[in-house]
């Protein structure tokens, strides 16, 4: 089994295609939608985790292109140097996915890598530079 994170871009005329359904049913893939900006008559963006056999993932991504959508596989990850972090929470204000949150019980920062969209906004926002970007496979 392999797991990848992908951003998909849909032309406005392709938004109504039930893409996740086809990836699950026809290609035996597990699809977890992490973020979606999809509206009728508007270019759409979808960020998903896709898990399955490598050949099924390749066939599913080929289908994405066949329907007229484009995709980009994430090849970066965010690294949090927790031991140097002062848990100020500045990064949480810019995190669109909620991957970075403050634990209200003790006001410490938590980072859920599975939710991370690797938008890199936290890297720019962190005053102590404890957030950084690593190139390479994310999973």
N, C-alpha and C. Protein backbone atom coordinates (compact mmCIF):
# COMPACT_ATOMS: atom_id res chain seq x y z
N UNK A 1 0.85 -1.19 0.00
CA UNK A 1 0.00 0.00 0.00
C UNK A 1 0.88 1.24 0.00
N UNK A 2 0.43 2.24 -0.72
CA UNK A 2 1.13 3.50 -0.83
C UNK A 2 0.14 4.61 -0.49
N UNK A 3 0.65 5.71 0.05
CA UNK A 3 -0.20 6.85 0.38
C UNK A 3 0.48 8.11 -0.14
N UNK A 4 -0.29 8.91 -0.89
CA UNK A 4 0.23 10.18 -1.40
C UNK A 4 -0.77 11.30 -1.11
N UNK A 5 -0.28 12.52 -1.15
CA UNK A 5 -1.13 13.70 -1.00
C UNK A 5 -1.08 14.44 -2.33
N UNK A 6 -2.26 14.81 -2.82
CA UNK A 6 -2.37 15.38 -4.16
C UNK A 6 -3.27 16.62 -4.13
N UNK A 7 -2.91 17.62 -4.90
CA UNK A 7 -3.79 18.75 -5.17
C UNK A 7 -4.31 18.59 -6.58
N UNK A 8 -5.62 18.66 -6.74
CA UNK A 8 -6.24 18.55 -8.06
C UNK A 8 -6.89 19.87 -8.43
N UNK A 9 -6.79 20.22 -9.70
CA UNK A 9 -7.34 21.47 -10.23
C UNK A 9 -8.34 21.13 -11.32
N UNK A 10 -9.58 21.62 -11.19
CA UNK A 10 -10.65 21.30 -12.12
C UNK A 10 -11.09 22.53 -12.90
N UNK A 11 -11.23 22.40 -14.22
CA UNK A 11 -11.85 23.49 -14.98
C UNK A 11 -13.31 23.61 -14.55
N UNK A 12 -13.87 24.79 -14.72
CA UNK A 12 -15.25 25.04 -14.29
C UNK A 12 -16.25 24.06 -14.88
N UNK A 13 -16.02 23.59 -16.11
CA UNK A 13 -16.97 22.68 -16.76
C UNK A 13 -16.81 21.22 -16.31
N UNK A 14 -15.88 20.93 -15.41
CA UNK A 14 -15.66 19.56 -14.93
C UNK A 14 -16.02 19.38 -13.46
N UNK A 15 -16.50 20.42 -12.80
CA UNK A 15 -16.78 20.39 -11.37
C UNK A 15 -17.84 19.34 -11.01
N UNK A 16 -18.80 19.10 -11.88
CA UNK A 16 -19.93 18.21 -11.55
C UNK A 16 -19.58 16.72 -11.65
N UNK A 17 -18.38 16.38 -12.12
CA UNK A 17 -17.99 14.97 -12.22
C UNK A 17 -17.73 14.43 -10.82
N UNK A 18 -18.34 13.29 -10.46
CA UNK A 18 -18.13 12.71 -9.11
C UNK A 18 -16.77 11.98 -9.02
N UNK A 19 -15.72 12.76 -8.98
CA UNK A 19 -14.36 12.23 -9.04
C UNK A 19 -14.03 11.27 -7.90
N UNK A 20 -14.28 11.67 -6.66
CA UNK A 20 -13.95 10.81 -5.52
C UNK A 20 -14.67 9.46 -5.64
N UNK A 21 -15.92 9.50 -6.04
CA UNK A 21 -16.69 8.27 -6.23
C UNK A 21 -15.98 7.33 -7.22
N UNK A 22 -15.57 7.86 -8.37
CA UNK A 22 -14.92 7.03 -9.38
C UNK A 22 -13.57 6.51 -8.90
N UNK A 23 -12.81 7.33 -8.21
CA UNK A 23 -11.51 6.86 -7.69
C UNK A 23 -11.69 5.72 -6.70
N UNK A 24 -12.73 5.82 -5.89
CA UNK A 24 -12.99 4.78 -4.88
C UNK A 24 -13.54 3.51 -5.55
N UNK A 25 -14.58 3.67 -6.33
CA UNK A 25 -15.28 2.52 -6.91
C UNK A 25 -14.49 1.85 -8.04
N UNK A 26 -13.98 2.63 -8.97
CA UNK A 26 -13.36 2.06 -10.16
C UNK A 26 -11.87 1.75 -10.00
N UNK A 27 -11.21 2.38 -9.04
CA UNK A 27 -9.76 2.19 -8.89
C UNK A 27 -9.37 1.65 -7.52
N UNK A 28 -10.36 1.31 -6.70
CA UNK A 28 -10.11 0.68 -5.40
C UNK A 28 -9.18 1.51 -4.51
N UNK A 29 -9.39 2.83 -4.52
CA UNK A 29 -8.55 3.72 -3.74
C UNK A 29 -9.30 4.26 -2.53
N UNK A 30 -8.56 4.54 -1.47
CA UNK A 30 -9.13 5.25 -0.32
C UNK A 30 -8.81 6.73 -0.54
N UNK A 31 -9.84 7.56 -0.51
CA UNK A 31 -9.68 8.99 -0.77
C UNK A 31 -10.15 9.76 0.46
N UNK A 32 -9.26 10.57 1.01
CA UNK A 32 -9.59 11.41 2.15
C UNK A 32 -9.46 12.86 1.71
N UNK A 33 -10.58 13.57 1.64
CA UNK A 33 -10.58 14.96 1.22
C UNK A 33 -10.12 15.83 2.39
N UNK A 34 -9.01 16.53 2.19
CA UNK A 34 -8.43 17.37 3.23
C UNK A 34 -8.88 18.82 3.12
N UNK A 35 -9.08 19.27 1.88
CA UNK A 35 -9.51 20.64 1.65
C UNK A 35 -10.17 20.70 0.28
N UNK A 36 -11.24 21.44 0.18
CA UNK A 36 -11.94 21.57 -1.09
C UNK A 36 -12.40 23.00 -1.29
N UNK A 37 -12.17 23.52 -2.48
CA UNK A 37 -12.70 24.81 -2.89
C UNK A 37 -13.37 24.55 -4.23
N UNK A 38 -14.62 24.13 -4.18
CA UNK A 38 -15.35 23.69 -5.37
C UNK A 38 -16.70 24.37 -5.41
N UNK A 39 -16.98 25.06 -6.51
CA UNK A 39 -18.27 25.70 -6.72
C UNK A 39 -18.63 25.58 -8.20
N UNK A 40 -19.91 25.53 -8.49
CA UNK A 40 -20.34 25.46 -9.88
C UNK A 40 -19.86 26.69 -10.64
N UNK A 41 -19.49 26.48 -11.90
CA UNK A 41 -19.05 27.54 -12.80
C UNK A 41 -17.81 28.28 -12.31
N UNK A 42 -16.96 27.60 -11.56
CA UNK A 42 -15.74 28.20 -11.03
C UNK A 42 -14.64 27.13 -11.05
N UNK A 43 -13.41 27.53 -11.28
CA UNK A 43 -12.29 26.59 -11.22
C UNK A 43 -12.23 26.02 -9.81
N UNK A 44 -12.04 24.72 -9.68
CA UNK A 44 -12.05 24.07 -8.38
C UNK A 44 -10.69 23.52 -7.99
N UNK A 45 -10.46 23.45 -6.69
CA UNK A 45 -9.23 22.87 -6.15
C UNK A 45 -9.61 21.87 -5.08
N UNK A 46 -8.96 20.73 -5.10
CA UNK A 46 -9.22 19.66 -4.14
C UNK A 46 -7.89 19.11 -3.65
N UNK A 47 -7.71 19.05 -2.33
CA UNK A 47 -6.51 18.45 -1.75
C UNK A 47 -6.93 17.16 -1.07
N UNK A 48 -6.31 16.05 -1.46
CA UNK A 48 -6.71 14.74 -0.97
C UNK A 48 -5.51 13.87 -0.62
N UNK A 49 -5.72 12.97 0.34
CA UNK A 49 -4.82 11.84 0.54
C UNK A 49 -5.39 10.71 -0.28
N UNK A 50 -4.56 10.02 -1.03
CA UNK A 50 -4.98 8.85 -1.80
C UNK A 50 -4.14 7.68 -1.34
N UNK A 51 -4.82 6.58 -0.99
CA UNK A 51 -4.11 5.39 -0.52
C UNK A 51 -4.59 4.18 -1.30
N UNK A 52 -3.64 3.34 -1.69
CA UNK A 52 -3.97 2.12 -2.41
C UNK A 52 -2.73 1.49 -3.00
N UNK A 53 -2.94 0.50 -3.83
CA UNK A 53 -1.83 -0.14 -4.53
C UNK A 53 -1.26 0.85 -5.54
N UNK A 54 0.05 0.82 -5.74
CA UNK A 54 0.70 1.79 -6.62
C UNK A 54 0.09 1.79 -8.03
N UNK A 55 -0.19 0.62 -8.58
CA UNK A 55 -0.77 0.54 -9.93
C UNK A 55 -2.17 1.17 -9.97
N UNK A 56 -2.94 1.02 -8.88
CA UNK A 56 -4.27 1.62 -8.81
C UNK A 56 -4.19 3.14 -8.70
N UNK A 57 -3.22 3.63 -7.93
CA UNK A 57 -3.02 5.07 -7.80
C UNK A 57 -2.64 5.66 -9.17
N UNK A 58 -1.72 5.00 -9.85
CA UNK A 58 -1.32 5.48 -11.18
C UNK A 58 -2.50 5.51 -12.15
N UNK A 59 -3.31 4.46 -12.13
CA UNK A 59 -4.48 4.40 -13.02
C UNK A 59 -5.50 5.47 -12.64
N UNK A 60 -5.70 5.70 -11.36
CA UNK A 60 -6.63 6.72 -10.89
C UNK A 60 -6.18 8.12 -11.29
N UNK A 61 -4.88 8.40 -11.16
CA UNK A 61 -4.36 9.70 -11.55
C UNK A 61 -4.43 9.89 -13.07
N UNK A 62 -4.25 8.81 -13.81
CA UNK A 62 -4.42 8.87 -15.26
C UNK A 62 -5.86 9.25 -15.60
N UNK A 63 -6.83 8.69 -14.87
CA UNK A 63 -8.24 9.03 -15.05
C UNK A 63 -8.49 10.51 -14.77
N UNK A 64 -7.86 11.05 -13.73
CA UNK A 64 -8.01 12.47 -13.40
C UNK A 64 -7.64 13.33 -14.61
N UNK A 65 -6.52 13.00 -15.24
CA UNK A 65 -6.09 13.75 -16.43
C UNK A 65 -7.03 13.52 -17.61
N UNK A 66 -7.54 12.29 -17.74
CA UNK A 66 -8.44 11.98 -18.86
C UNK A 66 -9.73 12.79 -18.80
N UNK A 67 -10.20 13.12 -17.60
CA UNK A 67 -11.44 13.89 -17.50
C UNK A 67 -11.20 15.39 -17.67
N UNK A 68 -9.94 15.78 -17.83
CA UNK A 68 -9.63 17.19 -18.07
C UNK A 68 -9.17 17.96 -16.86
N UNK A 69 -8.90 17.28 -15.78
CA UNK A 69 -8.38 17.93 -14.57
C UNK A 69 -6.86 17.76 -14.53
N UNK A 70 -6.21 18.56 -13.74
CA UNK A 70 -4.77 18.46 -13.54
C UNK A 70 -4.51 18.14 -12.08
N UNK A 71 -3.32 17.66 -11.78
CA UNK A 71 -2.98 17.38 -10.38
C UNK A 71 -1.49 17.60 -10.15
N UNK A 72 -1.15 17.78 -8.90
CA UNK A 72 0.25 17.88 -8.47
C UNK A 72 0.40 17.05 -7.20
N UNK A 73 1.36 16.15 -7.21
CA UNK A 73 1.64 15.32 -6.04
C UNK A 73 2.55 16.12 -5.12
N UNK A 74 2.18 16.17 -3.84
CA UNK A 74 3.01 16.87 -2.86
C UNK A 74 4.36 16.17 -2.76
N UNK A 75 5.41 16.93 -2.80
CA UNK A 75 6.74 16.36 -2.62
C UNK A 75 7.50 17.08 -1.52
N UNK A 76 6.76 17.77 -0.67
CA UNK A 76 7.36 18.49 0.46
C UNK A 76 6.61 18.13 1.73
N UNK A 77 7.21 18.44 2.85
CA UNK A 77 6.53 18.32 4.14
C UNK A 77 7.02 19.43 5.05
N UNK A 78 6.22 19.72 6.05
CA UNK A 78 6.59 20.74 7.04
C UNK A 78 7.23 20.04 8.23
N UNK A 79 8.34 20.55 8.66
CA UNK A 79 9.06 20.03 9.82
C UNK A 79 8.90 21.04 10.96
N UNK A 80 8.46 20.54 12.11
CA UNK A 80 8.29 21.38 13.29
C UNK A 80 9.34 20.98 14.32
N UNK A 81 10.21 21.91 14.67
CA UNK A 81 11.23 21.69 15.70
C UNK A 81 10.60 22.00 17.05
N UNK A 82 9.85 21.03 17.55
CA UNK A 82 9.03 21.22 18.74
C UNK A 82 9.86 21.64 19.96
N UNK A 83 11.05 21.09 20.08
CA UNK A 83 11.88 21.38 21.26
C UNK A 83 12.30 22.85 21.33
N UNK A 84 12.33 23.55 20.18
CA UNK A 84 12.70 24.96 20.14
C UNK A 84 11.50 25.90 20.14
N UNK A 85 10.30 25.34 20.05
CA UNK A 85 9.07 26.13 19.95
C UNK A 85 8.66 26.67 21.31
N UNK A 86 8.20 27.93 21.33
CA UNK A 86 7.71 28.53 22.58
C UNK A 86 6.18 28.51 22.64
N UNK A 87 5.55 27.88 21.65
CA UNK A 87 4.09 27.69 21.62
C UNK A 87 3.34 29.02 21.66
N UNK A 88 3.83 29.99 20.88
CA UNK A 88 3.19 31.31 20.85
C UNK A 88 1.87 31.29 20.09
N UNK A 89 1.71 30.36 19.16
CA UNK A 89 0.47 30.24 18.41
C UNK A 89 0.37 31.10 17.18
N UNK A 90 1.41 31.83 16.84
CA UNK A 90 1.37 32.70 15.66
C UNK A 90 1.03 31.90 14.41
N UNK A 91 1.57 30.73 14.28
CA UNK A 91 1.34 29.89 13.09
C UNK A 91 -0.12 29.45 12.96
N UNK A 92 -0.81 29.34 14.06
CA UNK A 92 -2.21 28.88 14.01
C UNK A 92 -3.11 29.89 13.31
N UNK A 93 -2.73 31.15 13.37
CA UNK A 93 -3.55 32.21 12.75
C UNK A 93 -3.54 32.14 11.23
N UNK A 94 -2.51 31.54 10.66
CA UNK A 94 -2.40 31.49 9.20
C UNK A 94 -2.64 30.10 8.62
N UNK A 95 -2.85 29.10 9.47
CA UNK A 95 -3.00 27.72 9.00
C UNK A 95 -4.42 27.48 8.47
N UNK A 96 -4.59 27.33 7.14
CA UNK A 96 -5.94 27.20 6.59
C UNK A 96 -6.60 25.84 6.85
N UNK A 97 -5.81 24.82 7.16
CA UNK A 97 -6.38 23.47 7.32
C UNK A 97 -6.66 23.09 8.76
N UNK A 98 -6.17 23.88 9.71
CA UNK A 98 -6.32 23.52 11.11
C UNK A 98 -5.32 22.48 11.56
N UNK A 99 -4.27 22.28 10.79
CA UNK A 99 -3.23 21.31 11.18
C UNK A 99 -2.47 21.79 12.41
N UNK A 100 -2.37 23.11 12.55
CA UNK A 100 -1.71 23.71 13.72
C UNK A 100 -2.79 24.30 14.61
N UNK A 101 -2.82 23.84 15.85
CA UNK A 101 -3.84 24.30 16.81
C UNK A 101 -3.20 24.45 18.18
N UNK A 102 -3.87 25.24 19.01
CA UNK A 102 -3.47 25.36 20.40
C UNK A 102 -4.33 24.42 21.23
N UNK A 103 -3.70 23.60 22.05
CA UNK A 103 -4.42 22.71 22.96
C UNK A 103 -4.92 23.57 24.11
N UNK A 104 -6.23 23.69 24.23
CA UNK A 104 -6.80 24.60 25.23
C UNK A 104 -6.60 24.14 26.67
N UNK A 105 -6.22 22.88 26.86
CA UNK A 105 -6.01 22.40 28.23
C UNK A 105 -4.71 22.95 28.83
N UNK A 106 -3.68 23.09 28.00
CA UNK A 106 -2.41 23.60 28.52
C UNK A 106 -1.77 24.67 27.62
N UNK A 107 -2.50 25.12 26.59
CA UNK A 107 -2.07 26.14 25.65
C UNK A 107 -0.75 25.79 24.97
N UNK A 108 -0.57 24.51 24.66
CA UNK A 108 0.59 24.10 23.89
C UNK A 108 0.17 23.91 22.44
N UNK A 109 1.12 24.08 21.54
CA UNK A 109 0.86 23.92 20.11
C UNK A 109 0.81 22.45 19.75
N UNK A 110 -0.13 22.08 18.89
CA UNK A 110 -0.19 20.71 18.35
C UNK A 110 -0.13 20.81 16.83
N UNK A 111 0.47 19.80 16.20
CA UNK A 111 0.64 19.78 14.75
C UNK A 111 0.19 18.43 14.22
N UNK A 112 -0.87 18.44 13.42
CA UNK A 112 -1.40 17.23 12.80
C UNK A 112 -0.91 17.18 11.36
N UNK A 113 0.16 16.42 11.10
CA UNK A 113 0.76 16.35 9.76
C UNK A 113 -0.20 15.84 8.70
N UNK A 114 -1.15 15.02 9.11
CA UNK A 114 -2.13 14.47 8.15
C UNK A 114 -3.01 15.57 7.57
N UNK A 115 -3.29 16.61 8.34
CA UNK A 115 -4.14 17.71 7.88
C UNK A 115 -3.35 18.77 7.11
N UNK A 116 -2.04 18.75 7.23
CA UNK A 116 -1.19 19.80 6.67
C UNK A 116 -1.28 19.83 5.14
N UNK A 117 -1.49 21.03 4.61
CA UNK A 117 -1.57 21.24 3.16
C UNK A 117 -0.24 21.67 2.56
N UNK A 118 0.77 21.81 3.38
CA UNK A 118 2.11 22.25 2.97
C UNK A 118 2.04 23.56 2.19
N UNK A 119 1.21 24.47 2.67
CA UNK A 119 1.08 25.78 2.03
C UNK A 119 2.25 26.69 2.41
N UNK A 120 2.97 26.34 3.45
CA UNK A 120 4.17 27.02 3.93
C UNK A 120 3.89 28.37 4.61
N UNK A 121 2.64 28.69 4.86
CA UNK A 121 2.33 29.95 5.55
C UNK A 121 2.89 29.96 6.96
N UNK A 122 2.89 28.82 7.63
CA UNK A 122 3.41 28.75 9.00
C UNK A 122 4.91 29.03 9.03
N UNK A 123 5.62 28.60 7.99
CA UNK A 123 7.06 28.83 7.93
C UNK A 123 7.33 30.34 7.90
N UNK A 124 6.55 31.05 7.11
CA UNK A 124 6.72 32.50 6.99
C UNK A 124 6.29 33.22 8.27
N UNK A 125 5.28 32.68 8.95
CA UNK A 125 4.72 33.36 10.13
C UNK A 125 5.53 33.14 11.41
N UNK A 126 6.25 32.05 11.50
CA UNK A 126 6.93 31.69 12.76
C UNK A 126 8.07 32.66 13.09
N UNK A 127 7.96 33.36 14.23
CA UNK A 127 9.01 34.33 14.59
C UNK A 127 10.32 33.66 15.00
N UNK A 128 10.28 32.41 15.45
CA UNK A 128 11.50 31.72 15.88
C UNK A 128 12.07 30.78 14.81
N UNK A 129 11.39 30.68 13.67
CA UNK A 129 11.82 29.82 12.57
C UNK A 129 11.94 28.35 12.97
N UNK A 130 10.97 27.88 13.77
CA UNK A 130 10.97 26.47 14.17
C UNK A 130 10.16 25.62 13.18
N UNK A 131 9.53 26.27 12.20
CA UNK A 131 8.83 25.56 11.13
C UNK A 131 9.69 25.68 9.88
N UNK A 132 9.89 24.55 9.19
CA UNK A 132 10.68 24.58 7.96
C UNK A 132 10.09 23.60 6.95
N UNK A 133 10.59 23.66 5.73
CA UNK A 133 10.09 22.81 4.65
C UNK A 133 11.16 21.78 4.31
N UNK A 134 10.70 20.54 4.15
CA UNK A 134 11.60 19.45 3.74
C UNK A 134 11.13 18.99 2.35
N UNK A 135 12.04 18.94 1.40
CA UNK A 135 11.73 18.40 0.09
C UNK A 135 11.84 16.89 0.12
N UNK A 136 11.07 16.24 -0.73
CA UNK A 136 11.08 14.79 -0.79
C UNK A 136 9.69 14.25 -0.54
N UNK A 137 9.55 12.94 -0.47
CA UNK A 137 8.24 12.32 -0.26
C UNK A 137 7.69 12.73 1.09
N UNK A 138 6.37 12.98 1.14
CA UNK A 138 5.75 13.37 2.40
C UNK A 138 5.35 12.17 3.23
N UNK A 139 5.17 11.04 2.59
CA UNK A 139 4.71 9.87 3.34
C UNK A 139 5.55 8.68 2.95
